[in-house]
Protein backbone atom coordinates (compact mmCIF):
# COMPACT_ATOMS: atom_id res chain seq x y z
CA MET A 1 -15.91 -7.76 9.45
CA ALA A 2 -17.77 -7.15 6.79
CA LYS A 3 -18.66 -3.43 6.97
CA PHE A 4 -14.70 -2.79 7.45
CA ASN A 5 -14.09 -4.35 4.70
CA ASN A 6 -16.45 -2.34 2.50
CA ILE A 7 -14.95 0.68 4.49
CA PHE A 8 -10.96 -0.44 3.36
CA ILE A 9 -12.49 -1.03 -0.41
CA MET A 10 -13.96 2.47 -0.47
CA VAL A 11 -10.63 3.84 1.10
CA ALA A 12 -8.78 2.23 -1.95
CA LEU A 13 -11.26 3.06 -4.57
CA ILE A 14 -10.96 6.99 -3.18
CA LEU A 15 -7.01 6.45 -2.50
CA ALA A 16 -6.86 5.02 -6.40
CA SER A 17 -8.94 7.94 -7.57
CA GLY A 18 -7.03 11.15 -5.53
CA VAL A 19 -3.55 9.42 -7.15
CA MET A 20 -4.83 9.43 -10.44
CA ALA A 21 -6.08 13.19 -10.01
CA SER A 22 -2.68 13.79 -8.30
CA LEU A 23 -0.78 12.41 -10.51
CA ALA A 24 -2.62 14.12 -13.70
CA HIS A 25 -2.23 17.56 -11.62
CA LYS A 26 1.71 16.73 -11.25
CA LYS A 27 1.90 15.58 -14.94
CA ILE A 28 3.14 12.25 -13.70
CA SER A 29 2.28 9.13 -15.31
CA PRO A 30 0.83 5.62 -13.71
CA PRO A 31 3.42 3.20 -14.37
CA LYS A 32 3.15 2.15 -17.93
CA HIS A 33 3.39 -1.41 -17.71
CA VAL A 34 0.37 -1.70 -15.31
CA ARG A 35 -3.13 -0.71 -17.22
CA GLY A 36 -6.06 0.35 -15.28
CA TYR A 37 -3.98 1.53 -12.86
CA PRO A 38 -6.77 2.43 -10.09
CA LEU A 39 -8.06 -1.20 -10.32
CA HIS A 40 -5.04 -2.28 -9.95
CA LEU A 41 -4.32 -0.73 -7.02
CA LEU A 42 -7.72 -1.66 -5.63
CA HIS A 43 -7.17 -5.55 -6.11
CA CYS A 44 -3.31 -5.09 -4.46
CA ALA A 45 -5.49 -3.69 -1.14
CA ARG A 46 -7.35 -6.50 -1.40
CA ARG A 47 -5.17 -8.85 -1.16
CA VAL A 48 -4.59 -8.42 2.67
CA GLU A 49 -6.99 -8.60 5.76
CA ASP A 50 -8.20 -5.30 6.21
CA GLU A 51 -6.55 -4.72 9.55
CA CYS A 52 -3.29 -5.90 7.88
CA GLY A 53 -3.60 -3.12 5.47
CA LYS A 54 -3.89 -1.00 8.28
CA GLU A 55 -0.78 -2.20 10.03
CA ILE A 56 1.36 -1.55 6.88
CA PHE A 57 -0.27 1.61 6.42
CA LEU A 58 0.46 2.82 9.82
CA GLY A 59 3.91 1.08 9.53
CA MET A 60 4.86 3.69 7.04
CA PHE A 61 4.21 6.74 8.85
CA GLU A 62 4.29 5.81 12.56
CA LYS A 63 6.58 3.65 14.67
CA LEU A 64 4.38 0.83 14.31
CA PRO A 65 5.22 -3.03 14.13
CA VAL A 66 3.88 -4.93 11.38
CA SER A 67 2.79 -8.53 12.80
CA ARG A 68 3.95 -11.97 11.82
CA LYS A 69 0.26 -12.78 10.38
CA CYS A 70 0.75 -9.45 8.24
CA CYS A 71 4.02 -9.81 7.19
CA VAL A 72 3.17 -13.24 5.68
CA GLN A 73 -0.30 -11.52 4.13
CA LEU A 74 2.15 -8.88 2.61
CA ILE A 75 4.93 -11.28 1.09
CA LYS A 76 2.82 -14.15 0.04
CA LYS A 77 -0.48 -12.73 -0.75
CA MET A 78 0.14 -9.21 -2.04
CA GLY A 79 3.59 -9.32 -3.32
CA LYS A 80 6.53 -6.87 -3.98
CA THR A 81 4.80 -5.11 -7.22
CA CYS A 82 1.78 -4.50 -5.77
CA HIS A 83 3.58 -3.30 -2.08
CA ASP A 84 5.88 -0.65 -4.13
CA ASP A 85 2.50 1.02 -6.12
CA LEU A 86 0.64 1.17 -3.18
CA ASP A 87 3.33 2.96 -1.49
CA LYS A 88 4.12 5.07 -4.70
CA ALA A 89 0.45 5.77 -4.92
CA ILE A 90 0.09 6.57 -1.81
CA VAL A 91 2.78 9.45 -1.01
CA HIS A 92 1.44 10.95 -4.05
CA LEU A 93 -1.51 12.04 -2.57
CA PRO A 94 -1.67 15.59 -0.94
CA ASP A 95 -1.82 14.62 2.33
CA TYR A 96 1.41 12.15 2.22
CA SER A 97 3.58 13.53 0.05
CA SER A 98 5.35 15.66 2.14
CA ARG A 99 6.50 12.11 4.09
CA ALA A 100 7.25 10.45 1.18
CA SER A 101 11.06 10.81 1.75
CA LYS A 102 10.68 9.04 4.92
CA ALA A 103 7.57 7.01 4.04
CA ILE A 104 9.12 5.08 0.81
CA PRO A 105 12.19 3.80 2.58
CA LYS A 106 10.38 2.65 5.33
CA GLY A 107 7.76 0.51 3.65
CA ASN A 108 11.40 -0.80 2.19
CA ARG A 109 12.40 -1.75 5.26
CA ILE A 110 8.41 -3.32 6.15
CA TRP A 111 8.89 -5.29 3.27
CA HIS A 112 12.50 -6.90 3.99
CA LYS A 113 11.49 -7.02 7.62
CA CYS A 114 8.93 -9.12 6.40
CA ALA A 115 10.69 -11.27 4.18
CA LEU A 116 12.39 -12.15 6.91
CA VAL A 117 9.82 -13.48 8.97
CA ALA A 118 7.79 -15.10 6.32
CA ARG A 119 11.03 -17.23 5.33
CA HIS A 120 10.34 -18.86 8.99
CA ILE A 121 6.91 -19.92 8.37
């Protein structure tokens, strides 16, 4: 479990640095209200268990459900700001930018579905 956690953190760091490089290349600024944007993304990613981060990520790009456990973590531990910031950061990466028009709305649907699930716990 610790090994997978370290891998997830490394992926978050690579993701954050890739996002920053992509943002610089596209001349898109990170949100002005967030100082230390890559560190912010890393802290956001650490708020849910690795398996939940993977479920949420895959849910944005494939037709895979997000479990009740992961919905609760998304809503109660990660929060809306972190979820939205990570979604936006992911779709700025070259490998995912072509799917942004579907991934962002899907990320919003995941949030709303999870909010309903978490409300009943």
